Amino acid sequence: MTGHLLDAVADPVGAVAAAAAELRAGRHVVLPTDTVYGVAALPHDADAVVGLFDRKGRDAAKSVAVLVADPAQAGALADADLDALAGLWPGPLTVVVRRAADAVLHLGPEAEALGTVGLRCPDHDLVRALAAEVGPLATTSANRSGEPSPPTAAEAAAVLGGELLALDGGPCDGTPSTVVDLTVSPAVVLREGALDVAALSTAGLDVAPR
């Protein structure tokens, strides 16, 4: 398909259907989240994930995160107890955990070498509906590597270029998610973002002091 901007607010059902078709065909989709616009592929499609790196100009040694529909979908990918996240998901929190042995994921060399996966359940109905339809979404911010994240779907699509479906969900906040490494104890905050770090301790997570 040629590049196309689809109003996901006016027709969320149609937007999910169109995005699902694109992803299943091995293509990328720009989508809104509760933090920044992202660009997604199916994580079991190695070629599509490699294409995410190429589209962004991202360092191929890095990895991409996975957005999920719900904690149960996350649990199927993780070799970790995610119960403490019940009060934090959906929300702007990405957790790095050991991946399940049977999880088929192509997320980049870093994640492959470490056997980890970064998981997030976004507080955004459209994205969760899409993940419920097609499965988890390998996702990275919809910007050129090292550049600011565009606040709108149109800007994101223009920056990334090429044949691309972009779901327009209105302006995004622009603050990225907080990222926490749960593969170590106590957990380590890798990035402070939209979720207040104090909320992690309140939820019962043992977090190393910054």
N, C-alpha and C. Protein backbone atom coordinates (compact mmCIF):
# COMPACT_ATOMS: atom_id res chain seq x y z
N MET A 1 0.85 -1.19 0.00
CA MET A 1 0.00 0.00 0.00
C MET A 1 0.88 1.24 0.00
N THR A 2 0.31 2.37 -0.41
CA THR A 2 1.02 3.64 -0.30
C THR A 2 0.78 4.20 1.09
N GLY A 3 1.58 5.21 1.48
CA GLY A 3 1.42 5.82 2.78
C GLY A 3 0.01 6.34 2.96
N HIS A 4 -0.57 6.09 4.15
CA HIS A 4 -1.97 6.46 4.36
C HIS A 4 -2.19 6.80 5.82
N LEU A 5 -2.90 7.92 6.07
CA LEU A 5 -3.25 8.35 7.41
C LEU A 5 -4.70 7.99 7.66
N LEU A 6 -4.96 7.23 8.72
CA LEU A 6 -6.30 6.75 9.01
C LEU A 6 -6.76 7.31 10.35
N ASP A 7 -7.97 7.91 10.38
CA ASP A 7 -8.51 8.50 11.59
C ASP A 7 -8.98 7.39 12.53
N ALA A 8 -8.17 7.08 13.53
CA ALA A 8 -8.49 5.99 14.45
C ALA A 8 -9.46 6.42 15.54
N VAL A 9 -9.68 7.71 15.69
CA VAL A 9 -10.65 8.20 16.67
C VAL A 9 -12.05 8.04 16.11
N ALA A 10 -12.25 8.40 14.85
CA ALA A 10 -13.56 8.30 14.22
C ALA A 10 -13.97 6.86 13.96
N ASP A 11 -13.00 6.00 13.64
CA ASP A 11 -13.31 4.61 13.30
C ASP A 11 -12.27 3.67 13.90
N PRO A 12 -12.32 3.46 15.22
CA PRO A 12 -11.31 2.60 15.84
C PRO A 12 -11.38 1.15 15.38
N VAL A 13 -12.58 0.65 15.11
CA VAL A 13 -12.72 -0.74 14.66
C VAL A 13 -12.08 -0.91 13.29
N GLY A 14 -12.36 0.04 12.39
CA GLY A 14 -11.76 -0.01 11.07
C GLY A 14 -10.26 0.16 11.12
N ALA A 15 -9.79 0.99 12.06
CA ALA A 15 -8.35 1.22 12.20
C ALA A 15 -7.64 -0.05 12.64
N VAL A 16 -8.24 -0.76 13.59
CA VAL A 16 -7.64 -2.02 14.06
C VAL A 16 -7.61 -3.04 12.93
N ALA A 17 -8.69 -3.13 12.17
CA ALA A 17 -8.74 -4.09 11.07
C ALA A 17 -7.69 -3.78 10.01
N ALA A 18 -7.56 -2.50 9.66
CA ALA A 18 -6.58 -2.11 8.65
C ALA A 18 -5.16 -2.36 9.13
N ALA A 19 -4.90 -2.02 10.39
CA ALA A 19 -3.56 -2.22 10.94
C ALA A 19 -3.23 -3.70 11.04
N ALA A 20 -4.20 -4.50 11.43
CA ALA A 20 -3.97 -5.95 11.53
C ALA A 20 -3.59 -6.53 10.17
N ALA A 21 -4.27 -6.09 9.12
CA ALA A 21 -3.96 -6.59 7.78
C ALA A 21 -2.54 -6.21 7.36
N GLU A 22 -2.14 -4.98 7.67
CA GLU A 22 -0.79 -4.53 7.33
C GLU A 22 0.27 -5.34 8.07
N LEU A 23 0.07 -5.52 9.36
CA LEU A 23 1.04 -6.24 10.17
C LEU A 23 1.16 -7.70 9.72
N ARG A 24 0.04 -8.32 9.43
CA ARG A 24 0.06 -9.72 8.98
C ARG A 24 0.72 -9.87 7.62
N ALA A 25 0.75 -8.79 6.86
CA ALA A 25 1.41 -8.81 5.55
C ALA A 25 2.91 -8.50 5.67
N GLY A 26 3.40 -8.35 6.90
CA GLY A 26 4.82 -8.10 7.11
C GLY A 26 5.21 -6.64 7.02
N ARG A 27 4.22 -5.74 7.11
CA ARG A 27 4.52 -4.32 7.02
C ARG A 27 4.47 -3.65 8.39
N HIS A 28 4.81 -2.38 8.40
CA HIS A 28 4.86 -1.60 9.64
C HIS A 28 3.64 -0.70 9.75
N VAL A 29 3.29 -0.35 10.99
CA VAL A 29 2.17 0.55 11.25
C VAL A 29 2.59 1.57 12.31
N VAL A 30 2.32 2.85 12.05
CA VAL A 30 2.48 3.89 13.06
C VAL A 30 1.22 3.92 13.90
N LEU A 31 1.38 3.94 15.22
CA LEU A 31 0.21 3.89 16.08
C LEU A 31 0.40 4.77 17.31
N PRO A 32 -0.71 5.32 17.83
CA PRO A 32 -0.62 6.15 19.03
C PRO A 32 -0.51 5.27 20.27
N THR A 33 0.09 5.80 21.32
CA THR A 33 0.08 5.13 22.62
C THR A 33 -0.22 6.18 23.68
N ASP A 34 -0.14 5.78 24.93
CA ASP A 34 -0.36 6.72 26.03
C ASP A 34 0.88 7.57 26.31
N THR A 35 1.96 7.34 25.55
CA THR A 35 3.19 8.12 25.77
C THR A 35 3.59 8.84 24.48
N VAL A 36 4.18 8.12 23.55
CA VAL A 36 4.60 8.69 22.26
C VAL A 36 4.07 7.82 21.13
N TYR A 37 4.08 8.37 19.91
CA TYR A 37 3.73 7.53 18.76
C TYR A 37 4.80 6.47 18.57
N GLY A 38 4.34 5.26 18.22
CA GLY A 38 5.25 4.16 17.97
C GLY A 38 5.10 3.65 16.56
N VAL A 39 6.05 2.82 16.14
CA VAL A 39 5.94 2.12 14.87
C VAL A 39 6.13 0.65 15.19
N ALA A 40 5.21 -0.19 14.67
CA ALA A 40 5.12 -1.57 15.12
C ALA A 40 5.26 -2.57 13.98
N ALA A 41 5.68 -3.77 14.37
CA ALA A 41 5.72 -4.94 13.49
C ALA A 41 5.35 -6.14 14.36
N LEU A 42 5.12 -7.28 13.73
CA LEU A 42 4.87 -8.49 14.50
C LEU A 42 6.22 -9.08 14.95
N PRO A 43 6.36 -9.39 16.23
CA PRO A 43 7.67 -9.78 16.77
C PRO A 43 8.18 -11.14 16.31
N HIS A 44 7.30 -11.97 15.76
CA HIS A 44 7.79 -13.26 15.24
C HIS A 44 8.27 -13.14 13.79
N ASP A 45 8.08 -11.97 13.18
CA ASP A 45 8.48 -11.73 11.79
C ASP A 45 9.85 -11.04 11.79
N ALA A 46 10.91 -11.84 11.66
CA ALA A 46 12.27 -11.30 11.78
C ALA A 46 12.55 -10.22 10.74
N ASP A 47 12.09 -10.43 9.51
CA ASP A 47 12.35 -9.44 8.46
C ASP A 47 11.67 -8.12 8.77
N ALA A 48 10.44 -8.19 9.27
CA ALA A 48 9.71 -6.97 9.60
C ALA A 48 10.38 -6.21 10.74
N VAL A 49 10.90 -6.94 11.71
CA VAL A 49 11.57 -6.29 12.84
C VAL A 49 12.89 -5.65 12.38
N VAL A 50 13.63 -6.34 11.55
CA VAL A 50 14.85 -5.75 10.98
C VAL A 50 14.50 -4.46 10.24
N GLY A 51 13.35 -4.47 9.56
CA GLY A 51 12.90 -3.29 8.84
C GLY A 51 12.62 -2.11 9.76
N LEU A 52 12.19 -2.39 11.01
CA LEU A 52 12.00 -1.30 11.97
C LEU A 52 13.31 -0.57 12.23
N PHE A 53 14.37 -1.34 12.41
CA PHE A 53 15.69 -0.75 12.64
C PHE A 53 16.12 0.09 11.44
N ASP A 54 15.91 -0.45 10.25
CA ASP A 54 16.30 0.27 9.04
C ASP A 54 15.50 1.56 8.89
N ARG A 55 14.21 1.50 9.16
CA ARG A 55 13.34 2.66 8.98
C ARG A 55 13.73 3.79 9.93
N LYS A 56 14.12 3.44 11.15
CA LYS A 56 14.50 4.44 12.14
C LYS A 56 15.96 4.88 12.03
N GLY A 57 16.78 4.09 11.35
CA GLY A 57 18.21 4.32 11.42
C GLY A 57 18.74 3.96 12.79
N ARG A 58 18.14 2.95 13.40
CA ARG A 58 18.48 2.55 14.77
C ARG A 58 19.68 1.63 14.78
N ASP A 59 20.49 1.75 15.82
CA ASP A 59 21.63 0.87 16.02
C ASP A 59 21.15 -0.57 16.05
N ALA A 60 21.64 -1.39 15.13
CA ALA A 60 21.18 -2.77 15.02
C ALA A 60 21.54 -3.61 16.23
N ALA A 61 22.44 -3.13 17.07
CA ALA A 61 22.82 -3.89 18.26
C ALA A 61 21.82 -3.72 19.39
N LYS A 62 20.90 -2.76 19.25
CA LYS A 62 19.91 -2.52 20.30
C LYS A 62 18.71 -3.43 20.11
N SER A 63 17.66 -3.19 20.88
CA SER A 63 16.47 -4.03 20.77
C SER A 63 15.22 -3.16 20.80
N VAL A 64 14.08 -3.77 20.55
CA VAL A 64 12.80 -3.07 20.61
C VAL A 64 11.94 -3.73 21.67
N ALA A 65 10.95 -2.99 22.16
CA ALA A 65 10.06 -3.49 23.20
C ALA A 65 8.84 -4.17 22.58
N VAL A 66 8.03 -4.76 23.45
CA VAL A 66 6.82 -5.45 23.01
C VAL A 66 5.63 -4.88 23.77
N LEU A 67 4.62 -4.42 23.03
CA LEU A 67 3.38 -3.96 23.63
C LEU A 67 2.38 -5.11 23.64
N VAL A 68 1.65 -5.23 24.75
CA VAL A 68 0.72 -6.35 24.92
C VAL A 68 -0.68 -5.84 25.22
N ALA A 69 -1.65 -6.74 25.00
CA ALA A 69 -3.05 -6.39 25.22
C ALA A 69 -3.40 -6.37 26.69
N ASP A 70 -2.77 -7.25 27.46
CA ASP A 70 -3.12 -7.39 28.87
C ASP A 70 -2.00 -8.14 29.59
N PRO A 71 -2.05 -8.18 30.93
CA PRO A 71 -1.00 -8.89 31.67
C PRO A 71 -0.89 -10.37 31.31
N ALA A 72 -2.00 -11.00 30.95
CA ALA A 72 -1.95 -12.41 30.59
C ALA A 72 -1.10 -12.62 29.34
N GLN A 73 -1.25 -11.72 28.36
CA GLN A 73 -0.45 -11.82 27.14
C GLN A 73 1.03 -11.60 27.47
N ALA A 74 1.30 -10.70 28.38
CA ALA A 74 2.69 -10.47 28.81
C ALA A 74 3.24 -11.70 29.50
N GLY A 75 2.42 -12.31 30.35
CA GLY A 75 2.87 -13.47 31.10
C GLY A 75 3.29 -14.63 30.23
N ALA A 76 2.67 -14.75 29.06
CA ALA A 76 3.01 -15.84 28.14
C ALA A 76 4.39 -15.65 27.53
N LEU A 77 4.92 -14.43 27.59
CA LEU A 77 6.22 -14.14 26.99
C LEU A 77 7.34 -14.08 28.02
N ALA A 78 6.98 -14.08 29.30
CA ALA A 78 7.94 -13.81 30.36
C ALA A 78 8.21 -15.02 31.24
N ASP A 79 9.45 -15.18 31.61
CA ASP A 79 9.83 -16.14 32.63
C ASP A 79 10.04 -15.35 33.92
N ALA A 80 8.92 -14.82 34.43
CA ALA A 80 8.99 -13.93 35.58
C ALA A 80 7.59 -13.80 36.17
N ASP A 81 7.54 -13.45 37.45
CA ASP A 81 6.28 -13.19 38.13
C ASP A 81 5.92 -11.72 37.93
N LEU A 82 4.81 -11.47 37.25
CA LEU A 82 4.42 -10.10 36.93
C LEU A 82 3.27 -9.61 37.81
N ASP A 83 2.95 -10.34 38.88
CA ASP A 83 1.79 -9.98 39.70
C ASP A 83 1.90 -8.57 40.28
N ALA A 84 3.11 -8.13 40.59
CA ALA A 84 3.28 -6.81 41.20
C ALA A 84 2.91 -5.67 40.25
N LEU A 85 2.75 -6.00 38.97
CA LEU A 85 2.44 -4.96 37.98
C LEU A 85 0.95 -4.69 37.87
N ALA A 86 0.14 -5.45 38.60
CA ALA A 86 -1.32 -5.33 38.48
C ALA A 86 -1.80 -3.90 38.69
N GLY A 87 -1.18 -3.18 39.62
CA GLY A 87 -1.60 -1.81 39.89
C GLY A 87 -0.92 -0.77 39.02
N LEU A 88 0.00 -1.21 38.16
CA LEU A 88 0.77 -0.29 37.32
C LEU A 88 0.43 -0.40 35.84
N TRP A 89 -0.19 -1.48 35.46
CA TRP A 89 -0.63 -1.71 34.08
C TRP A 89 -2.13 -1.74 34.01
N PRO A 90 -2.75 -1.23 32.96
CA PRO A 90 -2.12 -0.50 31.85
C PRO A 90 -1.49 0.81 32.32
N GLY A 91 -0.40 1.17 31.69
CA GLY A 91 0.26 2.42 32.05
C GLY A 91 1.61 2.57 31.40
N PRO A 92 2.28 3.69 31.67
CA PRO A 92 3.54 4.03 31.00
C PRO A 92 4.76 3.40 31.66
N LEU A 93 4.72 2.08 31.81
CA LEU A 93 5.81 1.34 32.43
C LEU A 93 6.25 0.19 31.54
N THR A 94 7.54 0.16 31.20
CA THR A 94 8.14 -0.96 30.47
C THR A 94 9.02 -1.73 31.44
N VAL A 95 8.83 -3.05 31.50
CA VAL A 95 9.66 -3.88 32.37
C VAL A 95 10.50 -4.81 31.53
N VAL A 96 11.77 -4.92 31.87
CA VAL A 96 12.68 -5.85 31.22
C VAL A 96 12.73 -7.11 32.06
N VAL A 97 12.37 -8.25 31.46
CA VAL A 97 12.31 -9.52 32.18
C VAL A 97 12.97 -10.62 31.35
N ARG A 98 13.22 -11.76 31.99
CA ARG A 98 13.67 -12.92 31.24
C ARG A 98 12.52 -13.40 30.37
N ARG A 99 12.84 -13.75 29.14
CA ARG A 99 11.78 -14.21 28.25
C ARG A 99 11.49 -15.69 28.46
N ALA A 100 10.25 -16.09 28.20
CA ALA A 100 9.87 -17.49 28.29
C ALA A 100 10.63 -18.30 27.25
N ALA A 101 10.97 -19.53 27.59
CA ALA A 101 11.78 -20.37 26.70
C ALA A 101 11.09 -20.62 25.37
N ASP A 102 9.75 -20.66 25.38
CA ASP A 102 9.02 -20.96 24.14
C ASP A 102 8.52 -19.71 23.42
N ALA A 103 8.94 -18.54 23.85
CA ALA A 103 8.50 -17.29 23.21
C ALA A 103 9.27 -17.07 21.91
N VAL A 104 8.53 -16.95 20.80
CA VAL A 104 9.16 -16.71 19.50
C VAL A 104 9.18 -15.20 19.26
N LEU A 105 10.33 -14.60 19.51
CA LEU A 105 10.48 -13.15 19.43
C LEU A 105 11.79 -12.80 18.74
N HIS A 106 11.73 -11.86 17.81
CA HIS A 106 12.92 -11.33 17.16
C HIS A 106 12.96 -9.84 17.46
N LEU A 107 13.76 -9.47 18.46
CA LEU A 107 13.72 -8.10 18.97
C LEU A 107 15.04 -7.37 18.84
N GLY A 108 16.03 -8.01 18.26
CA GLY A 108 17.34 -7.38 18.12
C GLY A 108 18.40 -8.15 18.87
N PRO A 109 19.67 -7.98 18.48
CA PRO A 109 20.77 -8.75 19.05
C PRO A 109 20.92 -8.62 20.57
N GLU A 110 20.68 -7.42 21.10
CA GLU A 110 20.85 -7.21 22.53
C GLU A 110 19.91 -8.11 23.32
N ALA A 111 18.63 -8.10 22.95
CA ALA A 111 17.65 -8.92 23.65
C ALA A 111 17.93 -10.40 23.43
N GLU A 112 18.36 -10.76 22.23
CA GLU A 112 18.67 -12.16 21.93
C GLU A 112 19.82 -12.65 22.81
N ALA A 113 20.86 -11.86 22.92
CA ALA A 113 22.04 -12.26 23.68
C ALA A 113 21.73 -12.41 25.17
N LEU A 114 20.89 -11.53 25.68
CA LEU A 114 20.58 -11.53 27.10
C LEU A 114 19.41 -12.44 27.45
N GLY A 115 18.63 -12.85 26.46
CA GLY A 115 17.45 -13.67 26.72
C GLY A 115 16.36 -12.90 27.44
N THR A 116 16.24 -11.62 27.11
CA THR A 116 15.28 -10.76 27.79
C THR A 116 14.24 -10.21 26.82
N VAL A 117 13.21 -9.59 27.40
CA VAL A 117 12.20 -8.90 26.61
C VAL A 117 11.70 -7.72 27.42
N GLY A 118 11.52 -6.58 26.76
CA GLY A 118 10.92 -5.41 27.39
C GLY A 118 9.43 -5.41 27.10
N LEU A 119 8.61 -5.46 28.13
CA LEU A 119 7.16 -5.59 27.98
C LEU A 119 6.45 -4.35 28.51
N ARG A 120 5.37 -3.97 27.80
CA ARG A 120 4.54 -2.86 28.28
C ARG A 120 3.10 -3.09 27.88
N CYS A 121 2.20 -2.81 28.81
CA CYS A 121 0.77 -2.83 28.53
C CYS A 121 0.29 -1.38 28.57
N PRO A 122 0.13 -0.75 27.40
CA PRO A 122 -0.16 0.69 27.37
C PRO A 122 -1.60 1.02 27.78
N ASP A 123 -1.76 2.18 28.35
CA ASP A 123 -3.09 2.66 28.72
C ASP A 123 -3.72 3.34 27.51
N HIS A 124 -3.96 2.54 26.48
CA HIS A 124 -4.52 3.05 25.22
C HIS A 124 -5.37 1.95 24.60
N ASP A 125 -6.68 2.19 24.55
CA ASP A 125 -7.61 1.15 24.10
C ASP A 125 -7.31 0.64 22.70
N LEU A 126 -6.94 1.54 21.80
CA LEU A 126 -6.72 1.15 20.41
C LEU A 126 -5.55 0.16 20.30
N VAL A 127 -4.46 0.47 20.96
CA VAL A 127 -3.27 -0.39 20.88
C VAL A 127 -3.56 -1.74 21.51
N ARG A 128 -4.24 -1.73 22.65
CA ARG A 128 -4.55 -3.01 23.30
C ARG A 128 -5.50 -3.84 22.46
N ALA A 129 -6.44 -3.18 21.77
CA ALA A 129 -7.35 -3.91 20.88
C ALA A 129 -6.58 -4.52 19.71
N LEU A 130 -5.61 -3.79 19.19
CA LEU A 130 -4.80 -4.32 18.09
C LEU A 130 -3.97 -5.50 18.56
N ALA A 131 -3.37 -5.40 19.74
CA ALA A 131 -2.58 -6.51 20.28
C ALA A 131 -3.47 -7.72 20.58
N ALA A 132 -4.70 -7.48 20.98
CA ALA A 132 -5.63 -8.59 21.21
C ALA A 132 -5.98 -9.28 19.90
N GLU A 133 -5.99 -8.52 18.81
CA GLU A 133 -6.35 -9.06 17.50
C GLU A 133 -5.20 -9.83 16.86
N VAL A 134 -4.00 -9.28 16.88
CA VAL A 134 -2.88 -9.90 16.14
C VAL A 134 -1.81 -10.51 17.04
N GLY A 135 -1.89 -10.25 18.34
CA GLY A 135 -0.85 -10.71 19.25
C GLY A 135 0.08 -9.56 19.62
N PRO A 136 1.08 -9.83 20.42
CA PRO A 136 2.02 -8.79 20.87
C PRO A 136 2.64 -8.04 19.71
N LEU A 137 3.03 -6.79 19.99
CA LEU A 137 3.53 -5.89 18.95
C LEU A 137 4.96 -5.46 19.26
N ALA A 138 5.90 -5.80 18.39
CA ALA A 138 7.26 -5.28 18.51
C ALA A 138 7.20 -3.80 18.13
N THR A 139 7.56 -2.94 19.06
CA THR A 139 7.32 -1.50 18.87
C THR A 139 8.49 -0.67 19.34
N THR A 140 8.74 0.39 18.61
CA THR A 140 9.74 1.38 19.00
C THR A 140 9.18 2.76 18.69
N SER A 141 9.72 3.78 19.29
CA SER A 141 9.19 5.13 19.06
C SER A 141 9.30 5.51 17.59
N ALA A 142 8.29 6.25 17.11
CA ALA A 142 8.18 6.57 15.68
C ALA A 142 8.98 7.82 15.33
N ASN A 143 10.29 7.70 15.47
CA ASN A 143 11.19 8.82 15.16
C ASN A 143 12.47 8.26 14.56
N ARG A 144 13.23 9.13 13.93
CA ARG A 144 14.57 8.74 13.52
C ARG A 144 15.42 8.64 14.78
N SER A 145 16.30 7.66 14.83
CA SER A 145 17.10 7.41 16.03
C SER A 145 17.84 8.67 16.47
N GLY A 146 17.68 9.01 17.76
CA GLY A 146 18.36 10.17 18.32
C GLY A 146 17.60 11.47 18.18
N GLU A 147 16.49 11.46 17.43
CA GLU A 147 15.69 12.67 17.23
C GLU A 147 14.47 12.65 18.15
N PRO A 148 13.83 13.81 18.40
CA PRO A 148 12.62 13.83 19.23
C PRO A 148 11.50 13.02 18.60
N SER A 149 10.60 12.52 19.45
CA SER A 149 9.46 11.75 18.96
C SER A 149 8.38 12.71 18.47
N PRO A 150 7.91 12.58 17.23
CA PRO A 150 6.87 13.46 16.71
C PRO A 150 5.57 13.32 17.53
N PRO A 151 4.87 14.42 17.79
CA PRO A 151 3.66 14.35 18.61
C PRO A 151 2.41 13.91 17.85
N THR A 152 2.46 13.88 16.52
CA THR A 152 1.27 13.52 15.74
C THR A 152 1.59 12.39 14.77
N ALA A 153 0.53 11.71 14.33
CA ALA A 153 0.68 10.61 13.38
C ALA A 153 1.24 11.09 12.05
N ALA A 154 0.75 12.23 11.58
CA ALA A 154 1.19 12.75 10.29
C ALA A 154 2.68 13.06 10.31
N GLU A 155 3.15 13.67 11.39
CA GLU A 155 4.58 13.99 11.50
C GLU A 155 5.42 12.72 11.60
N ALA A 156 4.92 11.74 12.35
CA ALA A 156 5.65 10.48 12.49
C ALA A 156 5.78 9.78 11.15
N ALA A 157 4.69 9.73 10.40
CA ALA A 157 4.71 9.08 9.09
C ALA A 157 5.66 9.80 8.14
N ALA A 158 5.66 11.13 8.21
CA ALA A 158 6.54 11.90 7.34
C ALA A 158 8.01 11.68 7.68
N VAL A 159 8.30 11.58 8.96
CA VAL A 159 9.69 11.37 9.40
C VAL A 159 10.19 9.99 8.99
N LEU A 160 9.33 8.98 9.15
CA LEU A 160 9.76 7.61 8.88
C LEU A 160 9.73 7.29 7.39
N GLY A 161 8.81 7.93 6.66
CA GLY A 161 8.79 7.80 5.20
C GLY A 161 8.38 6.43 4.71
N GLY A 162 8.30 6.32 3.39
CA GLY A 162 7.99 5.03 2.77
C GLY A 162 6.52 4.70 2.81
N GLU A 163 6.20 3.49 2.38
CA GLU A 163 4.82 3.02 2.37
C GLU A 163 4.46 2.61 3.79
N LEU A 164 3.54 3.35 4.38
CA LEU A 164 3.30 3.19 5.81
C LEU A 164 1.87 3.60 6.16
N LEU A 165 1.16 2.73 6.87
CA LEU A 165 -0.14 3.08 7.42
C LEU A 165 0.10 3.75 8.77
N ALA A 166 -0.52 4.91 8.98
CA ALA A 166 -0.40 5.62 10.25
C ALA A 166 -1.79 5.80 10.84
N LEU A 167 -1.98 5.31 12.05
CA LEU A 167 -3.25 5.46 12.76
C LEU A 167 -3.22 6.77 13.54
N ASP A 168 -4.11 7.68 13.19
CA ASP A 168 -4.14 9.00 13.81
C ASP A 168 -5.05 8.97 15.03
N GLY A 169 -4.44 9.00 16.21
CA GLY A 169 -5.21 9.01 17.45
C GLY A 169 -5.16 10.34 18.15
N GLY A 170 -4.77 11.40 17.42
CA GLY A 170 -4.60 12.70 18.03
C GLY A 170 -3.21 12.85 18.61
N PRO A 171 -2.89 14.03 19.12
CA PRO A 171 -1.54 14.27 19.66
C PRO A 171 -1.23 13.36 20.85
N CYS A 172 0.00 12.88 20.92
CA CYS A 172 0.47 12.10 22.06
C CYS A 172 1.22 13.00 23.03
N ASP A 173 1.28 12.57 24.27
CA ASP A 173 1.89 13.37 25.33
C ASP A 173 3.36 13.68 25.05
N GLY A 174 4.09 12.69 24.57
CA GLY A 174 5.48 12.91 24.22
C GLY A 174 6.49 12.49 25.27
N THR A 175 6.01 12.12 26.46
CA THR A 175 6.91 11.64 27.51
C THR A 175 7.02 10.13 27.42
N PRO A 176 8.20 9.57 27.28
CA PRO A 176 8.33 8.12 27.12
C PRO A 176 8.01 7.37 28.42
N SER A 177 7.89 6.07 28.31
CA SER A 177 7.59 5.25 29.48
C SER A 177 8.80 5.16 30.41
N THR A 178 8.52 4.88 31.66
CA THR A 178 9.57 4.53 32.61
C THR A 178 9.99 3.08 32.34
N VAL A 179 11.29 2.82 32.37
CA VAL A 179 11.80 1.48 32.07
C VAL A 179 12.51 0.92 33.30
N VAL A 180 12.13 -0.30 33.69
CA VAL A 180 12.68 -0.93 34.89
C VAL A 180 13.19 -2.32 34.55
N ASP A 181 14.38 -2.63 34.98
CA ASP A 181 14.98 -3.95 34.78
C ASP A 181 14.62 -4.84 35.97
N LEU A 182 13.77 -5.86 35.71
CA LEU A 182 13.37 -6.79 36.75
C LEU A 182 14.18 -8.07 36.73
N THR A 183 15.21 -8.12 35.90
CA THR A 183 16.04 -9.33 35.86
C THR A 183 17.04 -9.36 37.00
N VAL A 184 17.15 -8.27 37.74
CA VAL A 184 18.06 -8.19 38.88
C VAL A 184 17.26 -7.84 40.12
N SER A 185 17.83 -8.11 41.29
CA SER A 185 17.17 -7.78 42.55
C SER A 185 18.17 -7.07 43.47
N PRO A 186 17.82 -5.86 43.92
CA PRO A 186 16.60 -5.13 43.61
C PRO A 186 16.55 -4.67 42.16
N ALA A 187 15.32 -4.36 41.71
CA ALA A 187 15.13 -3.89 40.34
C ALA A 187 15.85 -2.56 40.13
N VAL A 188 16.21 -2.31 38.88
CA VAL A 188 16.96 -1.09 38.54
C VAL A 188 16.16 -0.26 37.55
N VAL A 189 16.01 1.02 37.84
CA VAL A 189 15.34 1.94 36.91
C VAL A 189 16.34 2.32 35.82
N LEU A 190 16.03 1.94 34.59
CA LEU A 190 16.91 2.24 33.46
C LEU A 190 16.59 3.60 32.85
N ARG A 191 15.32 4.02 32.97
CA ARG A 191 14.91 5.32 32.43
C ARG A 191 13.73 5.83 33.24
N GLU A 192 13.83 7.05 33.72
CA GLU A 192 12.69 7.69 34.38
C GLU A 192 11.85 8.37 33.31
N GLY A 193 10.58 8.03 33.27
CA GLY A 193 9.69 8.57 32.26
C GLY A 193 8.37 9.01 32.84
N ALA A 194 7.29 8.65 32.16
CA ALA A 194 5.96 9.15 32.52
C ALA A 194 5.45 8.60 33.85
N LEU A 195 5.90 7.42 34.25
CA LEU A 195 5.47 6.87 35.54
C LEU A 195 6.42 7.31 36.63
N ASP A 196 5.86 7.90 37.69
CA ASP A 196 6.67 8.32 38.83
C ASP A 196 7.35 7.10 39.45
N VAL A 197 8.65 7.17 39.62
CA VAL A 197 9.41 6.04 40.17
C VAL A 197 8.89 5.64 41.54
N ALA A 198 8.37 6.59 42.31
CA ALA A 198 7.84 6.27 43.64
C ALA A 198 6.70 5.27 43.57
N ALA A 199 5.98 5.25 42.45
CA ALA A 199 4.86 4.32 42.29
C ALA A 199 5.33 2.88 42.26
N LEU A 200 6.57 2.65 41.89
CA LEU A 200 7.10 1.28 41.84
C LEU A 200 7.18 0.69 43.24
N SER A 201 7.71 1.46 44.17
CA SER A 201 7.80 0.98 45.55
C SER A 201 6.42 0.84 46.17
N THR A 202 5.54 1.77 45.85
CA THR A 202 4.18 1.70 46.36
C THR A 202 3.49 0.42 45.92
N ALA A 203 3.81 -0.04 44.71
CA ALA A 203 3.21 -1.27 44.18
C ALA A 203 3.86 -2.52 44.76
N GLY A 204 4.92 -2.35 45.54
CA GLY A 204 5.55 -3.50 46.17
C GLY A 204 6.82 -3.99 45.50
N LEU A 205 7.30 -3.26 44.49
CA LEU A 205 8.55 -3.65 43.83
C LEU A 205 9.75 -3.18 44.66
N ASP A 206 10.73 -4.05 44.79
CA ASP A 206 11.97 -3.70 45.47
C ASP A 206 12.89 -3.05 44.46
N VAL A 207 13.05 -1.74 44.56
CA VAL A 207 13.79 -0.97 43.55
C VAL A 207 15.04 -0.37 44.18
N ALA A 208 16.16 -0.53 43.49
CA ALA A 208 17.42 0.04 43.97
C ALA A 208 17.33 1.56 43.98
N PRO A 209 17.89 2.22 44.98
CA PRO A 209 17.87 3.70 45.00
C PRO A 209 18.66 4.26 43.83
N ARG A 210 18.20 5.40 43.33
CA ARG A 210 18.88 6.05 42.20
C ARG A 210 20.11 6.79 42.70
